[in-house]
N, C-alpha and C. Protein backbone atom coordinates (compact mmCIF):
# COMPACT_ATOMS: atom_id res chain seq x y z
N UNK A 1 1.81 20.41 -18.59
CA UNK A 1 2.41 20.83 -17.34
C UNK A 1 3.83 20.32 -17.28
N UNK A 2 4.81 21.21 -17.02
CA UNK A 2 6.21 20.85 -17.02
C UNK A 2 6.73 20.52 -15.62
N UNK A 3 5.95 20.81 -14.61
CA UNK A 3 6.40 20.56 -13.25
C UNK A 3 6.59 19.05 -13.03
N UNK A 4 7.65 18.72 -12.30
CA UNK A 4 7.94 17.32 -12.01
C UNK A 4 6.90 16.76 -11.04
N UNK A 5 6.39 15.58 -11.36
CA UNK A 5 5.46 14.88 -10.48
C UNK A 5 6.04 13.51 -10.15
N UNK A 6 5.44 12.84 -9.18
CA UNK A 6 5.86 11.50 -8.80
C UNK A 6 4.63 10.65 -8.50
N UNK A 7 4.82 9.34 -8.58
CA UNK A 7 3.75 8.40 -8.28
C UNK A 7 4.16 7.54 -7.09
N UNK A 8 3.32 7.52 -6.05
CA UNK A 8 3.59 6.76 -4.83
C UNK A 8 2.52 5.69 -4.69
N UNK A 9 2.95 4.46 -4.46
CA UNK A 9 2.03 3.33 -4.47
C UNK A 9 2.06 2.56 -3.16
N UNK A 10 0.88 2.30 -2.61
CA UNK A 10 0.77 1.23 -1.63
C UNK A 10 1.05 -0.07 -2.37
N UNK A 11 1.34 -1.14 -1.62
CA UNK A 11 1.69 -2.41 -2.25
C UNK A 11 0.50 -3.37 -2.32
N UNK A 12 0.11 -3.91 -1.18
CA UNK A 12 -0.95 -4.93 -1.15
C UNK A 12 -2.30 -4.32 -1.47
N UNK A 13 -2.97 -4.90 -2.45
CA UNK A 13 -4.27 -4.39 -2.86
C UNK A 13 -4.21 -3.30 -3.90
N UNK A 14 -3.00 -2.82 -4.19
CA UNK A 14 -2.82 -1.79 -5.23
C UNK A 14 -1.98 -2.35 -6.38
N UNK A 15 -0.76 -2.78 -6.05
CA UNK A 15 0.12 -3.37 -7.05
C UNK A 15 0.06 -4.89 -7.04
N UNK A 16 -0.08 -5.45 -5.85
CA UNK A 16 -0.07 -6.90 -5.65
C UNK A 16 -1.45 -7.36 -5.21
N UNK A 17 -1.95 -8.40 -5.87
CA UNK A 17 -3.27 -8.93 -5.55
C UNK A 17 -3.16 -9.89 -4.37
N UNK A 18 -3.11 -9.33 -3.15
CA UNK A 18 -2.88 -10.14 -1.96
C UNK A 18 -3.83 -9.83 -0.82
N UNK A 19 -4.64 -8.80 -0.95
CA UNK A 19 -5.46 -8.39 0.19
C UNK A 19 -6.47 -9.45 0.61
N UNK A 20 -7.03 -10.19 -0.35
CA UNK A 20 -7.99 -11.22 0.03
C UNK A 20 -7.32 -12.31 0.86
N UNK A 21 -6.05 -12.59 0.56
CA UNK A 21 -5.30 -13.59 1.32
C UNK A 21 -5.06 -13.09 2.74
N UNK A 22 -4.71 -11.81 2.88
CA UNK A 22 -4.51 -11.24 4.21
C UNK A 22 -5.82 -11.15 4.98
N UNK A 23 -6.90 -10.89 4.28
CA UNK A 23 -8.20 -10.86 4.95
C UNK A 23 -8.50 -12.22 5.57
N UNK A 24 -8.24 -13.27 4.84
CA UNK A 24 -8.45 -14.62 5.37
C UNK A 24 -7.55 -14.87 6.58
N UNK A 25 -6.30 -14.43 6.48
CA UNK A 25 -5.36 -14.65 7.58
C UNK A 25 -5.81 -13.94 8.85
N UNK A 26 -6.13 -12.64 8.75
CA UNK A 26 -6.47 -11.88 9.95
C UNK A 26 -7.85 -12.26 10.50
N UNK A 27 -8.72 -12.74 9.63
CA UNK A 27 -9.99 -13.27 10.11
C UNK A 27 -9.73 -14.51 10.97
N UNK A 28 -8.80 -15.34 10.53
CA UNK A 28 -8.43 -16.53 11.30
C UNK A 28 -7.79 -16.14 12.63
N UNK A 29 -6.93 -15.13 12.64
CA UNK A 29 -6.30 -14.69 13.89
C UNK A 29 -7.36 -14.17 14.87
N UNK A 30 -8.35 -13.48 14.33
CA UNK A 30 -9.42 -12.96 15.19
C UNK A 30 -10.26 -14.10 15.76
N UNK A 31 -10.34 -15.20 15.04
CA UNK A 31 -11.05 -16.37 15.57
C UNK A 31 -10.24 -17.05 16.66
N UNK A 32 -8.92 -17.13 16.48
CA UNK A 32 -8.06 -17.77 17.47
C UNK A 32 -7.86 -16.91 18.70
N UNK A 33 -7.71 -15.60 18.49
CA UNK A 33 -7.44 -14.65 19.57
C UNK A 33 -8.43 -13.48 19.44
N UNK A 34 -9.67 -13.67 19.88
CA UNK A 34 -10.74 -12.70 19.60
C UNK A 34 -10.41 -11.28 20.05
N UNK A 35 -10.64 -10.33 19.14
CA UNK A 35 -10.41 -8.91 19.45
C UNK A 35 -11.69 -8.20 19.86
N UNK A 36 -12.85 -8.77 19.48
CA UNK A 36 -14.11 -8.11 19.78
C UNK A 36 -14.45 -6.99 18.83
N UNK A 37 -13.67 -6.87 17.76
CA UNK A 37 -13.88 -5.78 16.79
C UNK A 37 -14.59 -6.34 15.56
N UNK A 38 -15.69 -5.72 15.21
CA UNK A 38 -16.45 -6.15 14.03
C UNK A 38 -15.63 -5.91 12.77
N UNK A 39 -15.66 -6.87 11.87
CA UNK A 39 -14.90 -6.78 10.62
C UNK A 39 -13.44 -6.45 10.87
N UNK A 40 -12.85 -7.14 11.84
CA UNK A 40 -11.49 -6.85 12.27
C UNK A 40 -10.50 -6.84 11.11
N UNK A 41 -10.57 -7.84 10.23
CA UNK A 41 -9.60 -7.95 9.15
C UNK A 41 -9.60 -6.74 8.23
N UNK A 42 -10.77 -6.11 8.06
CA UNK A 42 -10.86 -4.91 7.23
C UNK A 42 -10.45 -3.65 8.00
N UNK A 43 -10.68 -3.65 9.29
CA UNK A 43 -10.40 -2.45 10.09
C UNK A 43 -8.91 -2.16 10.19
N UNK A 44 -8.06 -3.18 10.04
CA UNK A 44 -6.63 -2.98 10.22
C UNK A 44 -5.88 -2.80 8.90
N UNK A 45 -6.56 -2.86 7.78
CA UNK A 45 -5.87 -2.77 6.49
C UNK A 45 -5.11 -1.46 6.37
N UNK A 46 -3.87 -1.57 5.91
CA UNK A 46 -3.03 -0.40 5.72
C UNK A 46 -2.13 -0.08 6.90
N UNK A 47 -2.32 -0.75 8.04
CA UNK A 47 -1.53 -0.46 9.22
C UNK A 47 -0.39 -1.45 9.36
N UNK A 48 0.65 -1.07 10.10
CA UNK A 48 1.83 -1.91 10.25
C UNK A 48 1.59 -3.03 11.25
N UNK A 49 2.39 -4.07 11.15
CA UNK A 49 2.27 -5.19 12.08
C UNK A 49 2.49 -4.75 13.53
N UNK A 50 3.53 -3.96 13.84
CA UNK A 50 3.68 -3.52 15.24
C UNK A 50 2.45 -2.79 15.76
N UNK A 51 1.84 -1.97 14.92
CA UNK A 51 0.64 -1.24 15.35
C UNK A 51 -0.51 -2.22 15.60
N UNK A 52 -0.68 -3.20 14.72
CA UNK A 52 -1.74 -4.19 14.90
C UNK A 52 -1.53 -4.96 16.20
N UNK A 53 -0.32 -5.42 16.42
CA UNK A 53 -0.03 -6.22 17.61
C UNK A 53 -0.19 -5.41 18.89
N UNK A 54 0.37 -4.21 18.91
CA UNK A 54 0.29 -3.40 20.13
C UNK A 54 -1.13 -2.97 20.45
N UNK A 55 -1.92 -2.75 19.42
CA UNK A 55 -3.28 -2.25 19.61
C UNK A 55 -4.27 -3.35 19.93
N UNK A 56 -4.11 -4.52 19.30
CA UNK A 56 -5.15 -5.54 19.36
C UNK A 56 -4.73 -6.86 20.01
N UNK A 57 -3.42 -7.09 20.12
CA UNK A 57 -2.94 -8.34 20.73
C UNK A 57 -1.85 -7.99 21.73
N UNK A 58 -2.23 -7.38 22.83
CA UNK A 58 -1.26 -6.81 23.77
C UNK A 58 -0.50 -7.86 24.57
N UNK A 59 -1.06 -9.06 24.72
CA UNK A 59 -0.39 -10.11 25.47
C UNK A 59 0.85 -10.59 24.69
N UNK A 60 2.00 -10.63 25.35
CA UNK A 60 3.25 -10.97 24.67
C UNK A 60 3.22 -12.38 24.07
N UNK A 61 2.61 -13.32 24.78
CA UNK A 61 2.54 -14.69 24.28
C UNK A 61 1.67 -14.76 23.02
N UNK A 62 0.57 -14.01 23.02
CA UNK A 62 -0.30 -13.97 21.84
C UNK A 62 0.43 -13.31 20.68
N UNK A 63 1.14 -12.23 20.96
CA UNK A 63 1.90 -11.56 19.90
C UNK A 63 2.89 -12.53 19.25
N UNK A 64 3.56 -13.32 20.06
CA UNK A 64 4.53 -14.27 19.53
C UNK A 64 3.84 -15.31 18.65
N UNK A 65 2.66 -15.75 19.06
CA UNK A 65 1.92 -16.72 18.26
C UNK A 65 1.48 -16.11 16.92
N UNK A 66 0.97 -14.88 16.97
CA UNK A 66 0.53 -14.22 15.74
C UNK A 66 1.71 -14.03 14.79
N UNK A 67 2.84 -13.61 15.31
CA UNK A 67 4.04 -13.44 14.48
C UNK A 67 4.44 -14.76 13.83
N UNK A 68 4.39 -15.84 14.61
CA UNK A 68 4.77 -17.16 14.08
C UNK A 68 3.84 -17.56 12.94
N UNK A 69 2.53 -17.39 13.16
CA UNK A 69 1.56 -17.71 12.11
C UNK A 69 1.78 -16.86 10.87
N UNK A 70 2.05 -15.57 11.07
CA UNK A 70 2.22 -14.66 9.93
C UNK A 70 3.48 -15.00 9.14
N UNK A 71 4.56 -15.31 9.83
CA UNK A 71 5.79 -15.67 9.13
C UNK A 71 5.58 -16.91 8.26
N UNK A 72 4.88 -17.89 8.80
CA UNK A 72 4.58 -19.09 8.02
C UNK A 72 3.67 -18.76 6.84
N UNK A 73 2.68 -17.92 7.10
CA UNK A 73 1.73 -17.52 6.06
C UNK A 73 2.46 -16.83 4.91
N UNK A 74 3.34 -15.90 5.22
CA UNK A 74 4.02 -15.13 4.18
C UNK A 74 5.08 -15.96 3.46
N UNK A 75 5.65 -16.96 4.13
CA UNK A 75 6.59 -17.85 3.45
C UNK A 75 5.91 -18.62 2.33
N UNK A 76 4.64 -18.91 2.51
CA UNK A 76 3.90 -19.72 1.55
C UNK A 76 3.04 -18.90 0.59
N UNK A 77 3.06 -17.57 0.72
CA UNK A 77 2.23 -16.73 -0.13
C UNK A 77 2.74 -16.72 -1.56
N UNK A 78 1.81 -16.64 -2.49
CA UNK A 78 2.13 -16.45 -3.90
C UNK A 78 1.75 -15.01 -4.25
N UNK A 79 2.74 -14.23 -4.69
CA UNK A 79 2.50 -12.82 -4.99
C UNK A 79 2.20 -12.66 -6.48
N UNK A 80 1.06 -12.07 -6.77
CA UNK A 80 0.66 -11.84 -8.16
C UNK A 80 0.46 -10.34 -8.39
N UNK A 81 1.10 -9.86 -9.45
CA UNK A 81 0.95 -8.45 -9.82
C UNK A 81 -0.39 -8.28 -10.53
N UNK A 82 -1.13 -7.23 -10.16
CA UNK A 82 -2.39 -6.96 -10.83
C UNK A 82 -2.18 -6.74 -12.33
N UNK A 83 -3.16 -7.09 -13.15
CA UNK A 83 -3.07 -6.81 -14.60
C UNK A 83 -2.84 -5.31 -14.85
N UNK A 84 -2.03 -5.03 -15.88
CA UNK A 84 -1.77 -3.68 -16.39
C UNK A 84 -0.83 -2.86 -15.50
N UNK A 85 -0.46 -3.38 -14.33
CA UNK A 85 0.44 -2.63 -13.45
C UNK A 85 1.81 -2.46 -14.08
N UNK A 86 2.37 -3.53 -14.59
CA UNK A 86 3.73 -3.44 -15.14
C UNK A 86 3.77 -2.52 -16.36
N UNK A 87 2.75 -2.59 -17.21
CA UNK A 87 2.71 -1.67 -18.35
C UNK A 87 2.72 -0.23 -17.89
N UNK A 88 1.92 0.09 -16.85
CA UNK A 88 1.87 1.46 -16.36
C UNK A 88 3.19 1.87 -15.73
N UNK A 89 3.80 0.99 -14.95
CA UNK A 89 5.08 1.31 -14.33
C UNK A 89 6.16 1.53 -15.39
N UNK A 90 6.14 0.72 -16.44
CA UNK A 90 7.10 0.91 -17.52
C UNK A 90 6.89 2.24 -18.22
N UNK A 91 5.64 2.65 -18.37
CA UNK A 91 5.35 3.93 -19.04
C UNK A 91 5.81 5.10 -18.16
N UNK A 92 5.69 4.97 -16.85
CA UNK A 92 6.20 6.01 -15.96
C UNK A 92 7.71 6.15 -16.11
N UNK A 93 8.38 5.01 -16.12
CA UNK A 93 9.84 5.04 -16.25
C UNK A 93 10.25 5.66 -17.58
N UNK A 94 9.53 5.32 -18.65
CA UNK A 94 9.85 5.87 -19.97
C UNK A 94 9.66 7.38 -20.01
N UNK A 95 8.70 7.89 -19.22
CA UNK A 95 8.40 9.32 -19.19
C UNK A 95 9.22 10.06 -18.14
N UNK A 96 10.06 9.34 -17.40
CA UNK A 96 10.90 9.98 -16.39
C UNK A 96 10.15 10.41 -15.14
N UNK A 97 9.00 9.78 -14.87
CA UNK A 97 8.22 10.08 -13.67
C UNK A 97 8.66 9.13 -12.56
N UNK A 98 9.26 9.65 -11.50
CA UNK A 98 9.74 8.76 -10.43
C UNK A 98 8.59 8.05 -9.73
N UNK A 99 8.88 6.84 -9.26
CA UNK A 99 7.86 6.02 -8.59
C UNK A 99 8.43 5.43 -7.32
N UNK A 100 7.56 5.28 -6.32
CA UNK A 100 7.97 4.70 -5.05
C UNK A 100 6.87 3.82 -4.50
N UNK A 101 7.26 2.81 -3.76
CA UNK A 101 6.33 2.00 -2.98
C UNK A 101 6.38 2.49 -1.54
N UNK A 102 5.22 2.68 -0.94
CA UNK A 102 5.12 3.02 0.48
C UNK A 102 4.22 1.98 1.11
N UNK A 103 4.82 1.05 1.82
CA UNK A 103 4.08 -0.10 2.33
C UNK A 103 4.24 -0.27 3.83
N UNK A 104 3.23 -0.85 4.44
CA UNK A 104 3.31 -1.20 5.86
C UNK A 104 4.00 -2.53 6.08
N UNK A 105 4.45 -3.16 5.01
CA UNK A 105 5.12 -4.46 5.10
C UNK A 105 6.52 -4.30 5.66
N UNK A 106 7.05 -5.43 6.18
CA UNK A 106 8.41 -5.40 6.71
C UNK A 106 9.41 -5.90 5.66
N UNK A 107 10.70 -5.76 5.99
CA UNK A 107 11.74 -6.10 5.02
C UNK A 107 11.77 -7.59 4.72
N UNK A 108 11.46 -8.42 5.70
CA UNK A 108 11.45 -9.86 5.49
C UNK A 108 10.44 -10.25 4.41
N UNK A 109 9.24 -9.69 4.51
CA UNK A 109 8.23 -9.96 3.49
C UNK A 109 8.68 -9.46 2.13
N UNK A 110 9.25 -8.25 2.09
CA UNK A 110 9.67 -7.68 0.81
C UNK A 110 10.75 -8.53 0.16
N UNK A 111 11.67 -9.08 0.96
CA UNK A 111 12.71 -9.95 0.40
C UNK A 111 12.08 -11.17 -0.27
N UNK A 112 11.05 -11.73 0.38
CA UNK A 112 10.35 -12.87 -0.21
C UNK A 112 9.65 -12.50 -1.50
N UNK A 113 9.05 -11.33 -1.52
CA UNK A 113 8.37 -10.86 -2.73
C UNK A 113 9.37 -10.68 -3.87
N UNK A 114 10.52 -10.08 -3.57
CA UNK A 114 11.52 -9.86 -4.62
C UNK A 114 12.04 -11.18 -5.17
N UNK A 115 12.15 -12.20 -4.33
CA UNK A 115 12.60 -13.50 -4.81
C UNK A 115 11.58 -14.11 -5.77
N UNK A 116 10.31 -13.93 -5.45
CA UNK A 116 9.27 -14.47 -6.33
C UNK A 116 9.12 -13.68 -7.62
N UNK A 117 9.32 -12.37 -7.52
CA UNK A 117 9.08 -11.48 -8.66
C UNK A 117 10.37 -10.74 -9.04
N UNK A 118 11.33 -11.44 -9.62
CA UNK A 118 12.58 -10.78 -10.02
C UNK A 118 12.30 -9.61 -10.97
N UNK A 119 12.93 -8.51 -10.72
CA UNK A 119 12.74 -7.34 -11.56
C UNK A 119 11.68 -6.38 -11.05
N UNK A 120 10.84 -6.82 -10.11
CA UNK A 120 9.78 -5.93 -9.61
C UNK A 120 10.38 -4.69 -8.94
N UNK A 121 11.42 -4.89 -8.13
CA UNK A 121 12.05 -3.76 -7.43
C UNK A 121 12.58 -2.71 -8.40
N UNK A 122 12.96 -3.14 -9.61
CA UNK A 122 13.58 -2.23 -10.57
C UNK A 122 12.62 -1.17 -11.11
N UNK A 123 11.34 -1.38 -10.95
CA UNK A 123 10.37 -0.38 -11.41
C UNK A 123 10.38 0.88 -10.54
N UNK A 124 10.98 0.81 -9.35
CA UNK A 124 10.82 1.88 -8.37
C UNK A 124 12.15 2.54 -8.00
N UNK A 125 12.08 3.85 -7.85
CA UNK A 125 13.24 4.60 -7.39
C UNK A 125 13.46 4.43 -5.89
N UNK A 126 12.40 4.04 -5.19
CA UNK A 126 12.45 4.02 -3.74
C UNK A 126 11.39 3.06 -3.21
N UNK A 127 11.71 2.36 -2.12
CA UNK A 127 10.73 1.56 -1.40
C UNK A 127 10.79 1.95 0.08
N UNK A 128 9.67 2.37 0.63
CA UNK A 128 9.56 2.72 2.05
C UNK A 128 8.78 1.60 2.72
N UNK A 129 9.37 1.00 3.77
CA UNK A 129 8.71 -0.07 4.52
C UNK A 129 8.44 0.39 5.95
N UNK A 130 7.94 -0.54 6.76
CA UNK A 130 7.63 -0.18 8.15
C UNK A 130 8.89 0.20 8.94
N UNK A 131 10.06 -0.24 8.47
CA UNK A 131 11.30 0.08 9.16
C UNK A 131 11.70 1.55 9.01
N UNK A 132 11.10 2.22 8.03
CA UNK A 132 11.47 3.61 7.74
C UNK A 132 10.61 4.63 8.47
N UNK A 133 9.54 4.19 9.09
CA UNK A 133 8.59 5.14 9.71
C UNK A 133 8.36 4.80 11.17
N UNK A 134 7.94 5.79 11.91
CA UNK A 134 7.59 5.61 13.32
C UNK A 134 6.09 5.50 13.51
N UNK A 135 5.34 6.04 12.54
CA UNK A 135 3.89 6.10 12.69
C UNK A 135 3.22 5.39 11.51
N UNK A 136 2.26 4.54 11.84
CA UNK A 136 1.54 3.75 10.85
C UNK A 136 0.48 4.59 10.15
N UNK A 137 0.10 4.17 8.94
CA UNK A 137 -1.06 4.75 8.30
C UNK A 137 -2.26 4.58 9.23
N UNK A 138 -3.11 5.56 9.39
CA UNK A 138 -3.39 6.69 8.50
C UNK A 138 -2.49 7.92 8.64
N UNK A 139 -1.45 7.82 9.47
CA UNK A 139 -0.49 8.92 9.50
C UNK A 139 0.20 9.02 8.14
N UNK A 140 0.42 10.22 7.63
CA UNK A 140 1.01 10.36 6.28
C UNK A 140 2.52 10.28 6.24
N UNK A 141 3.16 9.94 7.36
CA UNK A 141 4.62 9.99 7.44
C UNK A 141 5.31 9.28 6.27
N UNK A 142 4.86 8.07 5.95
CA UNK A 142 5.52 7.31 4.89
C UNK A 142 5.47 8.00 3.55
N UNK A 143 4.33 8.59 3.21
CA UNK A 143 4.20 9.27 1.92
C UNK A 143 4.98 10.58 1.89
N UNK A 144 4.99 11.28 2.99
CA UNK A 144 5.76 12.52 3.06
C UNK A 144 7.26 12.22 2.94
N UNK A 145 7.69 11.15 3.62
CA UNK A 145 9.09 10.74 3.54
C UNK A 145 9.47 10.35 2.12
N UNK A 146 8.61 9.59 1.44
CA UNK A 146 8.90 9.19 0.07
C UNK A 146 9.03 10.40 -0.85
N UNK A 147 8.12 11.36 -0.70
CA UNK A 147 8.19 12.58 -1.52
C UNK A 147 9.50 13.32 -1.28
N UNK A 148 9.90 13.44 -0.02
CA UNK A 148 11.15 14.12 0.30
C UNK A 148 12.34 13.42 -0.32
N UNK A 149 12.37 12.11 -0.22
CA UNK A 149 13.51 11.36 -0.74
C UNK A 149 13.57 11.39 -2.26
N UNK A 150 12.40 11.51 -2.90
CA UNK A 150 12.37 11.63 -4.37
C UNK A 150 12.65 13.05 -4.83
N UNK A 151 12.59 14.00 -3.91
CA UNK A 151 12.82 15.39 -4.27
C UNK A 151 11.65 16.04 -4.97
N UNK A 152 10.44 15.54 -4.69
CA UNK A 152 9.22 16.09 -5.29
C UNK A 152 8.30 16.55 -4.17
N UNK A 153 7.83 17.80 -4.19
CA UNK A 153 6.89 18.24 -3.15
C UNK A 153 5.70 17.31 -3.06
N UNK A 154 5.24 17.02 -1.85
CA UNK A 154 4.17 16.05 -1.68
C UNK A 154 2.90 16.47 -2.41
N UNK A 155 2.68 17.77 -2.58
CA UNK A 155 1.47 18.21 -3.28
C UNK A 155 1.52 17.87 -4.77
N UNK A 156 2.67 17.47 -5.27
CA UNK A 156 2.80 17.06 -6.66
C UNK A 156 3.06 15.56 -6.79
N UNK A 157 2.61 14.83 -5.79
CA UNK A 157 2.67 13.37 -5.84
C UNK A 157 1.26 12.81 -5.98
N UNK A 158 1.11 11.81 -6.83
CA UNK A 158 -0.14 11.06 -6.92
C UNK A 158 0.03 9.80 -6.09
N UNK A 159 -0.88 9.60 -5.14
CA UNK A 159 -0.78 8.48 -4.21
C UNK A 159 -1.88 7.47 -4.53
N UNK A 160 -1.48 6.23 -4.74
CA UNK A 160 -2.40 5.14 -5.08
C UNK A 160 -2.65 4.30 -3.84
N UNK A 161 -3.91 4.24 -3.39
CA UNK A 161 -4.24 3.52 -2.17
C UNK A 161 -5.58 2.80 -2.32
N UNK A 162 -5.78 1.78 -1.44
CA UNK A 162 -7.02 1.01 -1.51
C UNK A 162 -7.75 0.90 -0.18
N UNK A 163 -7.03 1.03 0.95
CA UNK A 163 -7.65 0.85 2.26
C UNK A 163 -8.06 2.19 2.85
N UNK A 164 -8.94 2.16 3.83
CA UNK A 164 -9.38 3.41 4.46
C UNK A 164 -8.22 4.12 5.14
N UNK A 165 -7.41 3.35 5.87
CA UNK A 165 -6.26 3.97 6.55
C UNK A 165 -5.28 4.55 5.53
N UNK A 166 -5.05 3.81 4.44
CA UNK A 166 -4.14 4.30 3.42
C UNK A 166 -4.66 5.52 2.70
N UNK A 167 -5.94 5.53 2.39
CA UNK A 167 -6.53 6.68 1.71
C UNK A 167 -6.48 7.92 2.59
N UNK A 168 -6.69 7.75 3.88
CA UNK A 168 -6.58 8.88 4.80
C UNK A 168 -5.15 9.39 4.85
N UNK A 169 -4.18 8.47 4.87
CA UNK A 169 -2.77 8.88 4.86
C UNK A 169 -2.45 9.64 3.57
N UNK A 170 -2.95 9.14 2.46
CA UNK A 170 -2.71 9.80 1.18
C UNK A 170 -3.29 11.20 1.17
N UNK A 171 -4.51 11.34 1.66
CA UNK A 171 -5.14 12.67 1.70
C UNK A 171 -4.35 13.62 2.57
N UNK A 172 -3.91 13.15 3.72
CA UNK A 172 -3.19 14.01 4.65
C UNK A 172 -1.79 14.37 4.16
N UNK A 173 -1.26 13.56 3.22
CA UNK A 173 0.06 13.89 2.65
C UNK A 173 0.00 15.11 1.75
N UNK A 174 -1.19 15.42 1.22
CA UNK A 174 -1.37 16.67 0.51
C UNK A 174 -1.31 16.60 -1.00
N UNK A 175 -1.13 15.42 -1.56
CA UNK A 175 -1.08 15.31 -3.01
C UNK A 175 -2.42 14.91 -3.60
N UNK A 176 -2.38 14.32 -4.78
CA UNK A 176 -3.58 13.82 -5.41
C UNK A 176 -3.76 12.35 -5.01
N UNK A 177 -4.99 11.96 -4.78
CA UNK A 177 -5.27 10.62 -4.28
C UNK A 177 -6.00 9.82 -5.35
N UNK A 178 -5.40 8.67 -5.71
CA UNK A 178 -6.03 7.74 -6.64
C UNK A 178 -6.55 6.57 -5.80
N UNK A 179 -7.85 6.48 -5.65
CA UNK A 179 -8.47 5.44 -4.83
C UNK A 179 -8.71 4.21 -5.69
N UNK A 180 -8.10 3.11 -5.32
CA UNK A 180 -8.23 1.87 -6.08
C UNK A 180 -9.32 1.00 -5.46
N UNK A 181 -10.34 0.72 -6.25
CA UNK A 181 -11.47 -0.09 -5.77
C UNK A 181 -11.16 -1.56 -6.00
N UNK A 182 -10.12 -2.04 -5.32
CA UNK A 182 -9.69 -3.42 -5.44
C UNK A 182 -9.97 -4.21 -4.16
N UNK A 183 -9.93 -3.52 -3.03
CA UNK A 183 -10.21 -4.15 -1.74
C UNK A 183 -11.62 -3.82 -1.27
N UNK A 184 -12.01 -2.56 -1.42
CA UNK A 184 -13.34 -2.10 -1.06
C UNK A 184 -14.12 -1.76 -2.32
N UNK A 185 -15.44 -1.74 -2.21
CA UNK A 185 -16.28 -1.41 -3.35
C UNK A 185 -16.15 0.07 -3.70
N UNK A 186 -16.36 0.42 -4.97
CA UNK A 186 -16.30 1.84 -5.36
C UNK A 186 -17.21 2.72 -4.51
N UNK A 187 -18.40 2.23 -4.15
CA UNK A 187 -19.31 3.04 -3.35
C UNK A 187 -18.78 3.27 -1.95
N UNK A 188 -17.90 2.36 -1.48
CA UNK A 188 -17.35 2.50 -0.13
C UNK A 188 -16.24 3.55 -0.06
N UNK A 189 -15.61 3.82 -1.21
CA UNK A 189 -14.51 4.78 -1.20
C UNK A 189 -14.81 6.01 -2.05
N UNK A 190 -16.04 6.13 -2.50
CA UNK A 190 -16.44 7.33 -3.24
C UNK A 190 -16.19 8.55 -2.38
N UNK A 191 -15.52 9.54 -2.93
CA UNK A 191 -15.21 10.74 -2.18
C UNK A 191 -13.90 10.66 -1.43
N UNK A 192 -13.25 9.47 -1.43
CA UNK A 192 -11.97 9.32 -0.72
C UNK A 192 -10.77 9.67 -1.59
N UNK A 193 -11.00 9.85 -2.89
CA UNK A 193 -9.90 10.16 -3.78
C UNK A 193 -10.29 11.19 -4.82
N UNK A 194 -9.29 11.72 -5.50
CA UNK A 194 -9.56 12.64 -6.61
C UNK A 194 -10.15 11.88 -7.79
N UNK A 195 -9.77 10.61 -7.92
CA UNK A 195 -10.41 9.71 -8.86
C UNK A 195 -10.49 8.33 -8.21
N UNK A 196 -11.45 7.53 -8.67
CA UNK A 196 -11.60 6.16 -8.21
C UNK A 196 -11.46 5.25 -9.42
N UNK A 197 -10.54 4.27 -9.34
CA UNK A 197 -10.30 3.33 -10.43
C UNK A 197 -10.44 1.91 -9.93
N UNK A 198 -10.84 1.02 -10.83
CA UNK A 198 -10.89 -0.39 -10.45
C UNK A 198 -9.73 -1.18 -11.05
N UNK A 199 -8.90 -0.52 -11.88
CA UNK A 199 -7.72 -1.16 -12.44
C UNK A 199 -6.82 -0.08 -13.05
N UNK A 200 -5.65 -0.52 -13.51
CA UNK A 200 -4.71 0.38 -14.18
C UNK A 200 -4.88 0.37 -15.70
N UNK A 201 -5.92 -0.29 -16.18
CA UNK A 201 -6.03 -0.59 -17.61
C UNK A 201 -5.91 0.65 -18.48
N UNK A 202 -6.62 1.71 -18.14
CA UNK A 202 -6.66 2.89 -19.02
C UNK A 202 -5.81 4.05 -18.50
N UNK A 203 -4.99 3.78 -17.50
CA UNK A 203 -4.19 4.85 -16.92
C UNK A 203 -2.90 5.05 -17.71
N UNK A 204 -2.56 6.32 -17.95
CA UNK A 204 -1.35 6.67 -18.68
C UNK A 204 -0.64 7.80 -17.94
N UNK A 205 0.64 8.02 -18.25
CA UNK A 205 1.32 9.19 -17.67
C UNK A 205 0.59 10.50 -17.96
N UNK A 206 0.00 10.60 -19.15
CA UNK A 206 -0.72 11.82 -19.50
C UNK A 206 -1.94 12.03 -18.62
N UNK A 207 -2.70 10.96 -18.38
CA UNK A 207 -3.87 11.10 -17.51
C UNK A 207 -3.44 11.38 -16.08
N UNK A 208 -2.30 10.85 -15.68
CA UNK A 208 -1.80 11.14 -14.33
C UNK A 208 -1.42 12.61 -14.21
N UNK A 209 -0.75 13.15 -15.19
CA UNK A 209 -0.42 14.57 -15.18
C UNK A 209 -1.68 15.42 -15.16
N UNK A 210 -2.72 14.93 -15.81
CA UNK A 210 -3.97 15.69 -15.86
C UNK A 210 -4.57 15.93 -14.50
N UNK A 211 -4.26 15.11 -13.52
CA UNK A 211 -4.79 15.32 -12.16
C UNK A 211 -4.29 16.63 -11.56
N UNK A 212 -3.15 17.10 -12.03
CA UNK A 212 -2.53 18.28 -11.43
C UNK A 212 -2.83 19.56 -12.21
N UNK A 213 -3.60 19.44 -13.27
CA UNK A 213 -3.91 20.62 -14.08
C UNK A 213 -5.17 21.30 -13.63
């Protein structure tokens, strides 16, 4: 297939092994400021901080406390790239397949990540953060915006996601969905993607192109 394709990636739980750390954090916030929502930490995965705060912590004083805790948490986080991710990103670059990150994270967190992981930003033609969108996942706005900025129709983008909200956003964007079983079990996301993977180990540009054939 000669048509240009692109790869769009969520960050946490897809490229960076951090979702378990966030699960612990939001579980703790739910203990301090009870939301009454079962499995709260999992229910909010993939959504932006403003959406989480406005929806679940409406009191301004509580919002300020949660923000303070989160800023401290992210200052001390250690960001680890999942195995085989860098090899795959390098192979995309070698094949001329554009890549973008579409994350619900804010710029402050991303700056910290770039400081810890020099060169990580260079793998991507574009990074979309919460500052670039008005609507949080599961709305597909971020992925549609990334496709537009890369100059690739969204139906020819492969979207890599791990959370329910993210997978729904990926599906609604209209491209191919690669469901990563890194945060949820494969049985929990069966049917949510065109393929389900537990790692990038055997993924190649050729297999990615095969999704569109």
